[in-house]
Amino acid sequence: MMVRAVMLLRSPRTLVAERVKKFSGVKDAFDTAGRFDCIVLAELPKLVDIKSLAMQIQKIEGVKRTETLVQLE
């Protein structure tokens, strides 16, 4: 079973959705207005893979903060 997550990104002054979409496991990403600047929908085999994806996203220039919400069953 796959692990699904929503990642909320703060990236003031930088649109990052198109870059994030290139990462493995990202099903969709879109820039938003409001408290968070980008929302990422991800699906990967293991929870540790979600953590790894979050760490990769945090390395993108302009990303200041991430918050990850993991689906519970």
C-alpha atoms as a PDB file:
ATOM      1  CA  MET A   1       0.000   0.000   0.000  1.00  0.00           C
ATOM      2  CA  MET A   2       1.226   3.474  -0.877  1.00  0.00           C
ATOM      3  CA  VAL A   3       1.672   6.308   1.631  1.00  0.00           C
ATOM      4  CA  ARG A   4      -0.138   9.488   0.605  1.00  0.00           C
ATOM      5  CA  ALA A   5       0.695  12.959   1.872  1.00  0.00           C
ATOM      6  CA  VAL A   6      -0.083  16.616   1.387  1.00  0.00           C
ATOM      7  CA  MET A   7       2.871  18.956   1.742  1.00  0.00           C
ATOM      8  CA  LEU A   8       2.371  22.642   2.455  1.00  0.00           C
ATOM      9  CA  LEU A   9       5.250  24.894   1.425  1.00  0.00           C
ATOM     10  CA  ARG A  10       6.207  28.435   2.341  1.00  0.00           C
ATOM     11  CA  SER A  11       8.189  30.004  -0.465  1.00  0.00           C
ATOM     12  CA  PRO A  12       7.646  33.767  -0.371  1.00  0.00           C
ATOM     13  CA  ARG A  13       8.597  35.498  -3.603  1.00  0.00           C
ATOM     14  CA  THR A  14       9.291  32.192  -5.391  1.00  0.00           C
ATOM     15  CA  LEU A  15       6.913  30.016  -7.421  1.00  0.00           C
ATOM     16  CA  VAL A  16       8.104  26.436  -6.942  1.00  0.00           C
ATOM     17  CA  ALA A  17       5.289  24.133  -8.128  1.00  0.00           C
ATOM     18  CA  GLU A  18       6.768  23.422 -11.551  1.00  0.00           C
ATOM     19  CA  ARG A  19      10.105  22.408 -10.013  1.00  0.00           C
ATOM     20  CA  VAL A  20       8.448  20.245  -7.359  1.00  0.00           C
ATOM     21  CA  LYS A  21       6.401  18.361  -9.989  1.00  0.00           C
ATOM     22  CA  LYS A  22       9.648  16.873 -11.340  1.00  0.00           C
ATOM     23  CA  PHE A  23      10.348  14.898  -8.138  1.00  0.00           C
ATOM     24  CA  SER A  24       9.494  11.210  -8.059  1.00  0.00           C
ATOM     25  CA  GLY A  25       6.300  10.522  -6.127  1.00  0.00           C
ATOM     26  CA  VAL A  26       4.751  13.944  -6.673  1.00  0.00           C
ATOM     27  CA  LYS A  27       1.278  13.461  -8.155  1.00  0.00           C
ATOM     28  CA  ASP A  28       0.492  17.185  -8.394  1.00  0.00           C
ATOM     29  CA  ALA A  29       1.747  20.532  -7.154  1.00  0.00           C
ATOM     30  CA  PHE A  30       0.307  23.996  -7.494  1.00  0.00           C
ATOM     31  CA  ASP A  31       1.190  27.489  -6.336  1.00  0.00           C
ATOM     32  CA  THR A  32      -1.372  29.129  -4.058  1.00  0.00           C
ATOM     33  CA  ALA A  33      -2.152  32.424  -2.366  1.00  0.00           C
ATOM     34  CA  GLY A  34      -2.641  32.473   1.386  1.00  0.00           C
ATOM     35  CA  ARG A  35      -0.792  31.129   4.414  1.00  0.00           C
ATOM     36  CA  PHE A  36       1.107  28.611   2.258  1.00  0.00           C
ATOM     37  CA  ASP A  37       2.552  29.306  -1.171  1.00  0.00           C
ATOM     38  CA  CYS A  38       2.469  25.821  -2.709  1.00  0.00           C
ATOM     39  CA  ILE A  39       0.565  22.590  -2.111  1.00  0.00           C
ATOM     40  CA  VAL A  40       2.085  19.235  -3.074  1.00  0.00           C
ATOM     41  CA  LEU A  41       0.205  15.943  -3.380  1.00  0.00           C
ATOM     42  CA  ALA A  42       2.566  12.982  -3.021  1.00  0.00           C
ATOM     43  CA  GLU A  43       2.274   9.192  -3.077  1.00  0.00           C
ATOM     44  CA  LEU A  44       5.224   6.932  -2.290  1.00  0.00           C
ATOM     45  CA  PRO A  45       5.734   3.340  -1.092  1.00  0.00           C
ATOM     46  CA  LYS A  46       7.047   4.105   2.414  1.00  0.00           C
ATOM     47  CA  LEU A  47       6.819   6.824   5.062  1.00  0.00           C
ATOM     48  CA  VAL A  48      10.596   7.207   4.935  1.00  0.00           C
ATOM     49  CA  ASP A  49      10.218   8.049   1.216  1.00  0.00           C
ATOM     50  CA  ILE A  50       7.837  10.883   2.123  1.00  0.00           C
ATOM     51  CA  LYS A  51      10.439  12.207   4.562  1.00  0.00           C
ATOM     52  CA  SER A  52      13.115  11.997   1.869  1.00  0.00           C
ATOM     53  CA  LEU A  53      10.892  13.909  -0.569  1.00  0.00           C
ATOM     54  CA  ALA A  54      10.286  16.630   2.029  1.00  0.00           C
ATOM     55  CA  MET A  55      14.028  16.963   2.551  1.00  0.00           C
ATOM     56  CA  GLN A  56      14.600  17.274  -1.217  1.00  0.00           C
ATOM     57  CA  ILE A  57      11.927  19.969  -1.469  1.00  0.00           C
ATOM     58  CA  GLN A  58      13.480  21.888   1.436  1.00  0.00           C
ATOM     59  CA  LYS A  59      16.690  22.192  -0.615  1.00  0.00           C
ATOM     60  CA  ILE A  60      14.931  24.148  -3.382  1.00  0.00           C
ATOM     61  CA  GLU A  61      16.057  27.752  -3.359  1.00  0.00           C
ATOM     62  CA  GLY A  62      13.282  29.931  -1.987  1.00  0.00           C
ATOM     63  CA  VAL A  63      11.551  27.246   0.089  1.00  0.00           C
ATOM     64  CA  LYS A  64      11.561  28.507   3.664  1.00  0.00           C
ATOM     65  CA  ARG A  65       9.370  25.934   5.422  1.00  0.00           C
ATOM     66  CA  THR A  66       7.453  22.723   4.777  1.00  0.00           C
ATOM     67  CA  GLU A  67       4.662  21.034   6.670  1.00  0.00           C
ATOM     68  CA  THR A  68       3.675  17.464   5.800  1.00  0.00           C
ATOM     69  CA  LEU A  69       0.278  15.907   6.432  1.00  0.00           C
ATOM     70  CA  VAL A  70       0.208  12.111   6.066  1.00  0.00           C
ATOM     71  CA  GLN A  71      -3.013  10.255   5.342  1.00  0.00           C
ATOM     72  CA  LEU A  72      -4.227   7.966   8.131  1.00  0.00           C
ATOM     73  CA  GLU A  73      -6.310   4.879   7.510  1.00  0.00           C
END
